[in-house]
Amino acid sequence: KIAKRCNVEVVALRFTADVSTCIERAKARASRGEHDGDLNNPSKVAGLVGMLKNRQKPIGKGERFDQVLEASEEDHENVALVNALLGRTPSPTKRKAEEPDTQYL
């Protein structure tokens, strides 16, 4: 509702990776210590991911998103999707160190 009042586009990303892919990726991150709590325990990952999968609900029309986009299992496609959503060029040019970052000014 806040976004609609502010005339901001509301976009949902639907992640389509299958459960086995999610478990594999989460176990890899857990083995590197990149998660918090039980998800950082590789032996608990499958159960936690399965529980989350069972709680998952499809994105409904009543949620009033302006766009529902599917995230790919291919990283380069997701980068392109996020760049397009943020209005970035495909290959952002690097700014010189002395140039200020005006993005948040």
PDB file of N, CA and C in Angstrom:
ATOM      1  N   LYS A   1       0.821  -1.193   0.000  1.00  0.00           N
ATOM      2  CA  LYS A   1       0.000   0.000   0.000  1.00  0.00           C
ATOM      3  C   LYS A   1       0.865   1.257   0.000  1.00  0.00           C
ATOM      4  N   ILE A   2       1.959   1.212   0.746  1.00  0.00           N
ATOM      5  CA  ILE A   2       2.849   2.372   0.820  1.00  0.00           C
ATOM      6  C   ILE A   2       3.428   2.670  -0.557  1.00  0.00           C
ATOM      7  N   ALA A   3       3.884   1.643  -1.245  1.00  0.00           N
ATOM      8  CA  ALA A   3       4.467   1.829  -2.575  1.00  0.00           C
ATOM      9  C   ALA A   3       3.443   2.402  -3.533  1.00  0.00           C
ATOM     10  N   LYS A   4       2.218   1.917  -3.482  1.00  0.00           N
ATOM     11  CA  LYS A   4       1.165   2.414  -4.370  1.00  0.00           C
ATOM     12  C   LYS A   4       0.887   3.887  -4.082  1.00  0.00           C
ATOM     13  N   ARG A   5       0.847   4.263  -2.793  1.00  0.00           N
ATOM     14  CA  ARG A   5       0.613   5.672  -2.438  1.00  0.00           C
ATOM     15  C   ARG A   5       1.740   6.560  -2.950  1.00  0.00           C
ATOM     16  N   CYS A   6       2.941   6.004  -3.009  1.00  0.00           N
ATOM     17  CA  CYS A   6       4.106   6.771  -3.450  1.00  0.00           C
ATOM     18  C   CYS A   6       4.348   6.630  -4.960  1.00  0.00           C
ATOM     19  N   ASN A   7       3.419   5.981  -5.652  1.00  0.00           N
ATOM     20  CA  ASN A   7       3.537   5.770  -7.102  1.00  0.00           C
ATOM     21  C   ASN A   7       4.823   5.047  -7.483  1.00  0.00           C
ATOM     22  N   VAL A   8       5.153   4.022  -6.720  1.00  0.00           N
ATOM     23  CA  VAL A   8       6.340   3.221  -6.976  1.00  0.00           C
ATOM     24  C   VAL A   8       5.885   1.857  -7.485  1.00  0.00           C
ATOM     25  N   GLU A   9       6.550   1.368  -8.524  1.00  0.00           N
ATOM     26  CA  GLU A   9       6.212   0.058  -9.067  1.00  0.00           C
ATOM     27  C   GLU A   9       6.550  -1.030  -8.044  1.00  0.00           C
ATOM     28  N   VAL A  10       5.655  -1.985  -7.895  1.00  0.00           N
ATOM     29  CA  VAL A  10       5.844  -3.084  -6.950  1.00  0.00           C
ATOM     30  C   VAL A  10       6.074  -4.366  -7.754  1.00  0.00           C
ATOM     31  N   VAL A  11       7.254  -4.958  -7.572  1.00  0.00           N
ATOM     32  CA  VAL A  11       7.643  -6.127  -8.350  1.00  0.00           C
ATOM     33  C   VAL A  11       7.931  -7.291  -7.413  1.00  0.00           C
ATOM     34  N   ALA A  12       7.422  -8.465  -7.767  1.00  0.00           N
ATOM     35  CA  ALA A  12       7.729  -9.693  -7.028  1.00  0.00           C
ATOM     36  C   ALA A  12       8.630 -10.547  -7.897  1.00  0.00           C
ATOM     37  N   LEU A  13       9.608 -11.170  -7.263  1.00  0.00           N
ATOM     38  CA  LEU A  13      10.469 -12.129  -7.957  1.00  0.00           C
ATOM     39  C   LEU A  13      10.066 -13.528  -7.510  1.00  0.00           C
ATOM     40  N   ARG A  14       9.719 -14.365  -8.467  1.00  0.00           N
ATOM     41  CA  ARG A  14       9.371 -15.755  -8.184  1.00  0.00           C
ATOM     42  C   ARG A  14      10.605 -16.601  -8.465  1.00  0.00           C
ATOM     43  N   PHE A  15      11.119 -17.248  -7.434  1.00  0.00           N
ATOM     44  CA  PHE A  15      12.296 -18.095  -7.584  1.00  0.00           C
ATOM     45  C   PHE A  15      11.826 -19.498  -7.938  1.00  0.00           C
ATOM     46  N   THR A  16      12.352 -20.026  -9.025  1.00  0.00           N
ATOM     47  CA  THR A  16      11.823 -21.269  -9.568  1.00  0.00           C
ATOM     48  C   THR A  16      12.751 -22.468  -9.399  1.00  0.00           C
ATOM     49  N   ALA A  17      13.819 -22.326  -8.658  1.00  0.00           N
ATOM     50  CA  ALA A  17      14.738 -23.449  -8.450  1.00  0.00           C
ATOM     51  C   ALA A  17      14.005 -24.568  -7.725  1.00  0.00           C
ATOM     52  N   ASP A  18      14.284 -25.810  -8.115  1.00  0.00           N
ATOM     53  CA  ASP A  18      13.635 -26.929  -7.443  1.00  0.00           C
ATOM     54  C   ASP A  18      14.270 -27.140  -6.062  1.00  0.00           C
ATOM     55  N   VAL A  19      13.586 -27.931  -5.231  1.00  0.00           N
ATOM     56  CA  VAL A  19      14.016 -28.127  -3.848  1.00  0.00           C
ATOM     57  C   VAL A  19      15.421 -28.708  -3.766  1.00  0.00           C
ATOM     58  N   SER A  20      15.739 -29.668  -4.626  1.00  0.00           N
ATOM     59  CA  SER A  20      17.068 -30.293  -4.551  1.00  0.00           C
ATOM     60  C   SER A  20      18.167 -29.272  -4.854  1.00  0.00           C
ATOM     61  N   THR A  21      17.900 -28.347  -5.777  1.00  0.00           N
ATOM     62  CA  THR A  21      18.870 -27.292  -6.074  1.00  0.00           C
ATOM     63  C   THR A  21      19.031 -26.364  -4.874  1.00  0.00           C
ATOM     64  N   CYS A  22      17.917 -26.015  -4.246  1.00  0.00           N
ATOM     65  CA  CYS A  22      17.970 -25.140  -3.062  1.00  0.00           C
ATOM     66  C   CYS A  22      18.750 -25.797  -1.934  1.00  0.00           C
ATOM     67  N   ILE A  23      18.509 -27.082  -1.724  1.00  0.00           N
ATOM     68  CA  ILE A  23      19.216 -27.809  -0.665  1.00  0.00           C
ATOM     69  C   ILE A  23      20.708 -27.851  -0.958  1.00  0.00           C
ATOM     70  N   GLU A  24      21.056 -28.163  -2.193  1.00  0.00           N
ATOM     71  CA  GLU A  24      22.469 -28.230  -2.589  1.00  0.00           C
ATOM     72  C   GLU A  24      23.165 -26.889  -2.364  1.00  0.00           C
ATOM     73  N   ARG A  25      22.519 -25.811  -2.779  1.00  0.00           N
ATOM     74  CA  ARG A  25      23.119 -24.483  -2.623  1.00  0.00           C
ATOM     75  C   ARG A  25      23.225 -24.097  -1.155  1.00  0.00           C
ATOM     76  N   ALA A  26      22.174 -24.380  -0.386  1.00  0.00           N
ATOM     77  CA  ALA A  26      22.181 -24.027   1.034  1.00  0.00           C
ATOM     78  C   ALA A  26      23.239 -24.818   1.798  1.00  0.00           C
ATOM     79  N   LYS A  27      23.412 -26.096   1.448  1.00  0.00           N
ATOM     80  CA  LYS A  27      24.457 -26.894   2.097  1.00  0.00           C
ATOM     81  C   LYS A  27      25.841 -26.335   1.787  1.00  0.00           C
ATOM     82  N   ALA A  28      26.040 -25.904   0.551  1.00  0.00           N
ATOM     83  CA  ALA A  28      27.337 -25.319   0.174  1.00  0.00           C
ATOM     84  C   ALA A  28      27.591 -24.042   0.965  1.00  0.00           C
ATOM     85  N   ARG A  29      26.552 -23.194   1.094  1.00  0.00           N
ATOM     86  CA  ARG A  29      26.722 -21.959   1.875  1.00  0.00           C
ATOM     87  C   ARG A  29      26.940 -22.278   3.348  1.00  0.00           C
ATOM     88  N   ALA A  30      26.225 -23.284   3.858  1.00  0.00           N
ATOM     89  CA  ALA A  30      26.381 -23.675   5.265  1.00  0.00           C
ATOM     90  C   ALA A  30      27.795 -24.167   5.539  1.00  0.00           C
ATOM     91  N   SER A  31      28.356 -24.914   4.608  1.00  0.00           N
ATOM     92  CA  SER A  31      29.717 -25.432   4.817  1.00  0.00           C
ATOM     93  C   SER A  31      30.745 -24.311   4.839  1.00  0.00           C
ATOM     94  N   ARG A  32      30.370 -23.153   4.261  1.00  0.00           N
ATOM     95  CA  ARG A  32      31.251 -21.981   4.296  1.00  0.00           C
ATOM     96  C   ARG A  32      30.895 -21.036   5.444  1.00  0.00           C
ATOM     97  N   GLY A  33      29.884 -21.412   6.253  1.00  0.00           N
ATOM     98  CA  GLY A  33      29.489 -20.594   7.404  1.00  0.00           C
ATOM     99  C   GLY A  33      28.766 -19.321   7.027  1.00  0.00           C
ATOM    100  N   GLU A  34      28.033 -19.332   5.915  1.00  0.00           N
ATOM    101  CA  GLU A  34      27.385 -18.106   5.422  1.00  0.00           C
ATOM    102  C   GLU A  34      25.955 -17.929   5.898  1.00  0.00           C
ATOM    103  N   HIS A  35      25.428 -18.834   6.721  1.00  0.00           N
ATOM    104  CA  HIS A  35      24.050 -18.738   7.206  1.00  0.00           C
ATOM    105  C   HIS A  35      24.041 -18.428   8.692  1.00  0.00           C
ATOM    106  N   ASP A  36      22.846 -18.166   9.208  1.00  0.00           N
ATOM    107  CA  ASP A  36      22.647 -17.974  10.645  1.00  0.00           C
ATOM    108  C   ASP A  36      21.933 -19.186  11.223  1.00  0.00           C
ATOM    109  N   GLY A  37      22.141 -19.448  12.472  1.00  0.00           N
ATOM    110  CA  GLY A  37      21.395 -20.456  13.199  1.00  0.00           C
ATOM    111  C   GLY A  37      21.497 -21.851  12.618  1.00  0.00           C
ATOM    112  N   ASP A  38      20.364 -22.591  12.690  1.00  0.00           N
ATOM    113  CA  ASP A  38      20.334 -23.982  12.248  1.00  0.00           C
ATOM    114  C   ASP A  38      20.639 -24.149  10.771  1.00  0.00           C
ATOM    115  N   LEU A  39      20.361 -23.141   9.975  1.00  0.00           N
ATOM    116  CA  LEU A  39      20.640 -23.259   8.541  1.00  0.00           C
ATOM    117  C   LEU A  39      22.136 -23.324   8.282  1.00  0.00           C
ATOM    118  N   ASN A  40      22.928 -22.974   9.264  1.00  0.00           N
ATOM    119  CA  ASN A  40      24.383 -23.078   9.120  1.00  0.00           C
ATOM    120  C   ASN A  40      24.874 -24.488   9.430  1.00  0.00           C
ATOM    121  N   ASN A  41      23.968 -25.376   9.792  1.00  0.00           N
ATOM    122  CA  ASN A  41      24.306 -26.766  10.075  1.00  0.00           C
ATOM    123  C   ASN A  41      23.919 -27.602   8.847  1.00  0.00           C
ATOM    124  N   PRO A  42      24.891 -28.072   8.052  1.00  0.00           N
ATOM    125  CA  PRO A  42      24.569 -28.802   6.825  1.00  0.00           C
ATOM    126  C   PRO A  42      23.625 -29.985   7.022  1.00  0.00           C
ATOM    127  N   SER A  43      23.644 -30.612   8.200  1.00  0.00           N
ATOM    128  CA  SER A  43      22.776 -31.766   8.417  1.00  0.00           C
ATOM    129  C   SER A  43      21.307 -31.363   8.614  1.00  0.00           C
ATOM    130  N   LYS A  44      21.037 -30.091   8.901  1.00  0.00           N
ATOM    131  CA  LYS A  44      19.658 -29.629   9.104  1.00  0.00           C
ATOM    132  C   LYS A  44      19.090 -28.908   7.891  1.00  0.00           C
ATOM    133  N   VAL A  45      19.918 -28.651   6.894  1.00  0.00           N
ATOM    134  CA  VAL A  45      19.500 -27.858   5.737  1.00  0.00           C
ATOM    135  C   VAL A  45      18.315 -28.485   5.008  1.00  0.00           C
ATOM    136  N   ALA A  46      18.385 -29.765   4.700  1.00  0.00           N
ATOM    137  CA  ALA A  46      17.320 -30.411   3.922  1.00  0.00           C
ATOM    138  C   ALA A  46      15.965 -30.287   4.626  1.00  0.00           C
ATOM    139  N   GLY A  47      15.937 -30.514   5.919  1.00  0.00           N
ATOM    140  CA  GLY A  47      14.684 -30.407   6.669  1.00  0.00           C
ATOM    141  C   GLY A  47      14.131 -29.000   6.679  1.00  0.00           C
ATOM    142  N   LEU A  48      15.007 -28.015   6.867  1.00  0.00           N
ATOM    143  CA  LEU A  48      14.560 -26.624   6.897  1.00  0.00           C
ATOM    144  C   LEU A  48      14.068 -26.156   5.529  1.00  0.00           C
ATOM    145  N   VAL A  49      14.798 -26.507   4.487  1.00  0.00           N
ATOM    146  CA  VAL A  49      14.370 -26.114   3.142  1.00  0.00           C
ATOM    147  C   VAL A  49      13.046 -26.802   2.796  1.00  0.00           C
ATOM    148  N   GLY A  50      12.910 -28.081   3.155  1.00  0.00           N
ATOM    149  CA  GLY A  50      11.654 -28.792   2.921  1.00  0.00           C
ATOM    150  C   GLY A  50      10.487 -28.159   3.652  1.00  0.00           C
ATOM    151  N   MET A  51      10.711 -27.744   4.902  1.00  0.00           N
ATOM    152  CA  MET A  51       9.666 -27.086   5.673  1.00  0.00           C
ATOM    153  C   MET A  51       9.239 -25.786   4.998  1.00  0.00           C
ATOM    154  N   LEU A  52      10.216 -25.003   4.544  1.00  0.00           N
ATOM    155  CA  LEU A  52       9.890 -23.750   3.862  1.00  0.00           C
ATOM    156  C   LEU A  52       9.133 -24.006   2.559  1.00  0.00           C
ATOM    157  N   LYS A  53       9.528 -25.037   1.832  1.00  0.00           N
ATOM    158  CA  LYS A  53       8.840 -25.396   0.591  1.00  0.00           C
ATOM    159  C   LYS A  53       7.384 -25.729   0.871  1.00  0.00           C
ATOM    160  N   ASN A  54       7.118 -26.464   1.958  1.00  0.00           N
ATOM    161  CA  ASN A  54       5.746 -26.841   2.299  1.00  0.00           C
ATOM    162  C   ASN A  54       4.894 -25.643   2.702  1.00  0.00           C
ATOM    163  N   ARG A  55       5.513 -24.592   3.194  1.00  0.00           N
ATOM    164  CA  ARG A  55       4.792 -23.375   3.596  1.00  0.00           C
ATOM    165  C   ARG A  55       4.581 -22.413   2.427  1.00  0.00           C
ATOM    166  N   GLN A  56       5.256 -22.666   1.346  1.00  0.00           N
ATOM    167  CA  GLN A  56       5.225 -21.760   0.196  1.00  0.00           C
ATOM    168  C   GLN A  56       3.815 -21.672  -0.395  1.00  0.00           C
ATOM    169  N   LYS A  57       3.419 -20.456  -0.741  1.00  0.00           N
ATOM    170  CA  LYS A  57       2.139 -20.221  -1.407  1.00  0.00           C
ATOM    171  C   LYS A  57       2.426 -19.466  -2.699  1.00  0.00           C
ATOM    172  N   PRO A  58       1.664 -19.755  -3.744  1.00  0.00           N
ATOM    173  CA  PRO A  58       1.861 -19.007  -4.990  1.00  0.00           C
ATOM    174  C   PRO A  58       1.558 -17.523  -4.780  1.00  0.00           C
ATOM    175  N   ILE A  59       2.177 -16.699  -5.573  1.00  0.00           N
ATOM    176  CA  ILE A  59       1.899 -15.262  -5.518  1.00  0.00           C
ATOM    177  C   ILE A  59       0.508 -15.048  -6.101  1.00  0.00           C
ATOM    178  N   GLY A  60      -0.368 -14.474  -5.316  1.00  0.00           N
ATOM    179  CA  GLY A  60      -1.754 -14.300  -5.741  1.00  0.00           C
ATOM    180  C   GLY A  60      -2.018 -12.947  -6.375  1.00  0.00           C
ATOM    181  N   LYS A  61      -3.064 -12.898  -7.209  1.00  0.00           N
ATOM    182  CA  LYS A  61      -3.448 -11.634  -7.850  1.00  0.00           C
ATOM    183  C   LYS A  61      -3.861 -10.592  -6.828  1.00  0.00           C
ATOM    184  N   GLY A  62      -4.380 -11.036  -5.697  1.00  0.00           N
ATOM    185  CA  GLY A  62      -4.821 -10.125  -4.657  1.00  0.00           C
ATOM    186  C   GLY A  62      -3.679  -9.372  -3.995  1.00  0.00           C
ATOM    187  N   GLU A  63      -2.442  -9.785  -4.261  1.00  0.00           N
ATOM    188  CA  GLU A  63      -1.295  -9.098  -3.664  1.00  0.00           C
ATOM    189  C   GLU A  63      -0.943  -7.821  -4.426  1.00  0.00           C
ATOM    190  N   ARG A  64      -1.540  -7.639  -5.593  1.00  0.00           N
ATOM    191  CA  ARG A  64      -1.477  -6.391  -6.368  1.00  0.00           C
ATOM    192  C   ARG A  64      -0.071  -5.964  -6.779  1.00  0.00           C
ATOM    193  N   PHE A  65       0.763  -6.911  -7.185  1.00  0.00           N
ATOM    194  CA  PHE A  65       2.066  -6.558  -7.739  1.00  0.00           C
ATOM    195  C   PHE A  65       1.869  -6.006  -9.139  1.00  0.00           C
ATOM    196  N   ASP A  66       2.687  -5.034  -9.511  1.00  0.00           N
ATOM    197  CA  ASP A  66       2.646  -4.519 -10.881  1.00  0.00           C
ATOM    198  C   ASP A  66       3.241  -5.534 -11.852  1.00  0.00           C
ATOM    199  N   GLN A  67       4.250  -6.254 -11.394  1.00  0.00           N
ATOM    200  CA  GLN A  67       4.886  -7.281 -12.202  1.00  0.00           C
ATOM    201  C   GLN A  67       5.269  -8.449 -11.303  1.00  0.00           C
ATOM    202  N   VAL A  68       5.143  -9.658 -11.856  1.00  0.00           N
ATOM    203  CA  VAL A  68       5.665 -10.847 -11.197  1.00  0.00           C
ATOM    204  C   VAL A  68       6.654 -11.453 -12.184  1.00  0.00           C
ATOM    205  N   LEU A  69       7.923 -11.460 -11.810  1.00  0.00           N
ATOM    206  CA  LEU A  69       8.977 -11.932 -12.700  1.00  0.00           C
ATOM    207  C   LEU A  69       9.597 -13.200 -12.150  1.00  0.00           C
ATOM    208  N   GLU A  70       9.984 -14.089 -13.046  1.00  0.00           N
ATOM    209  CA  GLU A  70      10.604 -15.335 -12.621  1.00  0.00           C
ATOM    210  C   GLU A  70      12.112 -15.209 -12.621  1.00  0.00           C
ATOM    211  N   ALA A  71      12.699 -15.519 -11.483  1.00  0.00           N
ATOM    212  CA  ALA A  71      14.157 -15.562 -11.389  1.00  0.00           C
ATOM    213  C   ALA A  71      14.612 -16.900 -11.949  1.00  0.00           C
ATOM    214  N   SER A  72      15.694 -16.865 -12.660  1.00  0.00           N
ATOM    215  CA  SER A  72      16.206 -18.052 -13.332  1.00  0.00           C
ATOM    216  C   SER A  72      17.168 -18.811 -12.429  1.00  0.00           C
ATOM    217  N   GLU A  73      17.498 -20.037 -12.831  1.00  0.00           N
ATOM    218  CA  GLU A  73      18.555 -20.766 -12.138  1.00  0.00           C
ATOM    219  C   GLU A  73      19.919 -20.366 -12.674  1.00  0.00           C
ATOM    220  N   GLU A  74      19.932 -19.546 -13.714  1.00  0.00           N
ATOM    221  CA  GLU A  74      21.186 -19.094 -14.318  1.00  0.00           C
ATOM    222  C   GLU A  74      21.558 -17.739 -13.734  1.00  0.00           C
ATOM    223  N   ASP A  75      22.721 -17.662 -13.091  1.00  0.00           N
ATOM    224  CA  ASP A  75      23.135 -16.420 -12.442  1.00  0.00           C
ATOM    225  C   ASP A  75      23.190 -15.248 -13.406  1.00  0.00           C
ATOM    226  N   HIS A  76      23.732 -15.453 -14.607  1.00  0.00           N
ATOM    227  CA  HIS A  76      23.865 -14.329 -15.542  1.00  0.00           C
ATOM    228  C   HIS A  76      22.497 -13.777 -15.952  1.00  0.00           C
ATOM    229  N   GLU A  77      21.479 -14.636 -16.022  1.00  0.00           N
ATOM    230  CA  GLU A  77      20.135 -14.163 -16.346  1.00  0.00           C
ATOM    231  C   GLU A  77      19.558 -13.353 -15.185  1.00  0.00           C
ATOM    232  N   ASN A  78      19.837 -13.758 -13.955  1.00  0.00           N
ATOM    233  CA  ASN A  78      19.360 -13.011 -12.793  1.00  0.00           C
ATOM    234  C   ASN A  78      20.040 -11.659 -12.694  1.00  0.00           C
ATOM    235  N   VAL A  79      21.317 -11.606 -13.004  1.00  0.00           N
ATOM    236  CA  VAL A  79      22.030 -10.325 -12.997  1.00  0.00           C
ATOM    237  C   VAL A  79      21.392  -9.386 -14.014  1.00  0.00           C
ATOM    238  N   ALA A  80      21.097  -9.904 -15.202  1.00  0.00           N
ATOM    239  CA  ALA A  80      20.462  -9.082 -16.237  1.00  0.00           C
ATOM    240  C   ALA A  80      19.078  -8.621 -15.782  1.00  0.00           C
ATOM    241  N   LEU A  81      18.328  -9.495 -15.124  1.00  0.00           N
ATOM    242  CA  LEU A  81      16.999  -9.146 -14.629  1.00  0.00           C
ATOM    243  C   LEU A  81      17.076  -8.029 -13.591  1.00  0.00           C
ATOM    244  N   VAL A  82      17.971  -8.174 -12.631  1.00  0.00           N
ATOM    245  CA  VAL A  82      18.116  -7.145 -11.588  1.00  0.00           C
ATOM    246  C   VAL A  82      18.606  -5.836 -12.192  1.00  0.00           C
ATOM    247  N   ASN A  83      19.563  -5.910 -13.109  1.00  0.00           N
ATOM    248  CA  ASN A  83      20.048  -4.697 -13.772  1.00  0.00           C
ATOM    249  C   ASN A  83      18.913  -3.983 -14.498  1.00  0.00           C
ATOM    250  N   ALA A  84      18.069  -4.745 -15.181  1.00  0.00           N
ATOM    251  CA  ALA A  84      16.942  -4.141 -15.898  1.00  0.00           C
ATOM    252  C   ALA A  84      15.963  -3.496 -14.921  1.00  0.00           C
ATOM    253  N   LEU A  85      15.670  -4.171 -13.808  1.00  0.00           N
ATOM    254  CA  LEU A  85      14.758  -3.613 -12.814  1.00  0.00           C
ATOM    255  C   LEU A  85      15.296  -2.324 -12.206  1.00  0.00           C
ATOM    256  N   LEU A  86      16.611  -2.273 -12.014  1.00  0.00           N
ATOM    257  CA  LEU A  86      17.224  -1.099 -11.391  1.00  0.00           C
ATOM    258  C   LEU A  86      17.612  -0.027 -12.406  1.00  0.00           C
ATOM    259  N   GLY A  87      17.350  -0.301 -13.678  1.00  0.00           N
ATOM    260  CA  GLY A  87      17.677   0.683 -14.709  1.00  0.00           C
ATOM    261  C   GLY A  87      19.157   0.793 -14.977  1.00  0.00           C
ATOM    262  N   ARG A  88      19.899  -0.247 -14.672  1.00  0.00           N
ATOM    263  CA  ARG A  88      21.341  -0.244 -14.918  1.00  0.00           C
ATOM    264  C   ARG A  88      21.624  -0.674 -16.343  1.00  0.00           C
ATOM    265  N   THR A  89      22.745  -0.240 -16.848  1.00  0.00           N
ATOM    266  CA  THR A  89      23.192  -0.735 -18.136  1.00  0.00           C
ATOM    267  C   THR A  89      23.765  -2.130 -17.925  1.00  0.00           C
ATOM    268  N   PRO A  90      23.811  -2.961 -18.949  1.00  0.00           N
ATOM    269  CA  PRO A  90      24.323  -4.321 -18.769  1.00  0.00           C
ATOM    270  C   PRO A  90      25.735  -4.385 -18.197  1.00  0.00           C
ATOM    271  N   SER A  91      26.595  -3.455 -18.583  1.00  0.00           N
ATOM    272  CA  SER A  91      27.972  -3.436 -18.076  1.00  0.00           C
ATOM    273  C   SER A  91      28.252  -2.049 -17.515  1.00  0.00           C
ATOM    274  N   PRO A  92      27.937  -1.828 -16.244  1.00  0.00           N
ATOM    275  CA  PRO A  92      28.156  -0.492 -15.697  1.00  0.00           C
ATOM    276  C   PRO A  92      29.631  -0.101 -15.783  1.00  0.00           C
ATOM    277  N   THR A  93      29.869   1.140 -16.158  1.00  0.00           N
ATOM    278  CA  THR A  93      31.246   1.606 -16.234  1.00  0.00           C
ATOM    279  C   THR A  93      31.735   1.905 -14.835  1.00  0.00           C
ATOM    280  N   LYS A  94      32.979   1.629 -14.581  1.00  0.00           N
ATOM    281  CA  LYS A  94      33.555   1.906 -13.268  1.00  0.00           C
ATOM    282  C   LYS A  94      33.884   3.386 -13.182  1.00  0.00           C
ATOM    283  N   ARG A  95      33.567   3.966 -12.057  1.00  0.00           N
ATOM    284  CA  ARG A  95      33.900   5.376 -11.866  1.00  0.00           C
ATOM    285  C   ARG A  95      35.286   5.479 -11.261  1.00  0.00           C
ATOM    286  N   LYS A  96      35.907   6.594 -11.477  1.00  0.00           N
ATOM    287  CA  LYS A  96      37.232   6.813 -10.896  1.00  0.00           C
ATOM    288  C   LYS A  96      37.098   6.970  -9.387  1.00  0.00           C
ATOM    289  N   ALA A  97      38.098   6.572  -8.664  1.00  0.00           N
ATOM    290  CA  ALA A  97      38.065   6.598  -7.204  1.00  0.00           C
ATOM    291  C   ALA A  97      37.766   7.990  -6.654  1.00  0.00           C
ATOM    292  N   GLU A  98      38.227   9.039  -7.352  1.00  0.00           N
ATOM    293  CA  GLU A  98      38.027  10.378  -6.815  1.00  0.00           C
ATOM    294  C   GLU A  98      36.613  10.931  -7.080  1.00  0.00           C
ATOM    295  N   GLU A  99      35.845  10.244  -7.946  1.00  0.00           N
ATOM    296  CA  GLU A  99      34.489  10.712  -8.209  1.00  0.00           C
ATOM    297  C   GLU A  99      33.570  10.302  -7.062  1.00  0.00           C
ATOM    298  N   PRO A 100      32.742  11.215  -6.570  1.00  0.00           N
ATOM    299  CA  PRO A 100      31.847  10.853  -5.477  1.00  0.00           C
ATOM    300  C   PRO A 100      30.724   9.948  -5.981  1.00  0.00           C
ATOM    301  N   ASP A 101      30.246   9.092  -5.106  1.00  0.00           N
ATOM    302  CA  ASP A 101      29.107   8.251  -5.420  1.00  0.00           C
ATOM    303  C   ASP A 101      27.857   9.065  -5.116  1.00  0.00           C
ATOM    304  N   THR A 102      27.164   9.491  -6.151  1.00  0.00           N
ATOM    305  CA  THR A 102      25.989  10.367  -5.965  1.00  0.00           C
ATOM    306  C   THR A 102      24.692   9.594  -5.931  1.00  0.00           C
ATOM    307  N   GLN A 103      24.746   8.284  -5.948  1.00  0.00           N
ATOM    308  CA  GLN A 103      23.541   7.481  -5.996  1.00  0.00           C
ATOM    309  C   GLN A 103      22.621   7.767  -4.809  1.00  0.00           C
ATOM    310  N   TYR A 104      23.173   8.024  -3.645  1.00  0.00           N
ATOM    311  CA  TYR A 104      22.343   8.209  -2.461  1.00  0.00           C
ATOM    312  C   TYR A 104      22.283   9.658  -1.991  1.00  0.00           C
ATOM    313  N   LEU A 105      22.731  10.588  -2.804  1.00  0.00           N
ATOM    314  CA  LEU A 105      22.678  11.995  -2.406  1.00  0.00           C
ATOM    315  C   LEU A 105      21.318  12.583  -2.662  1.00  0.00           C
TER     316      LEU A 105
END
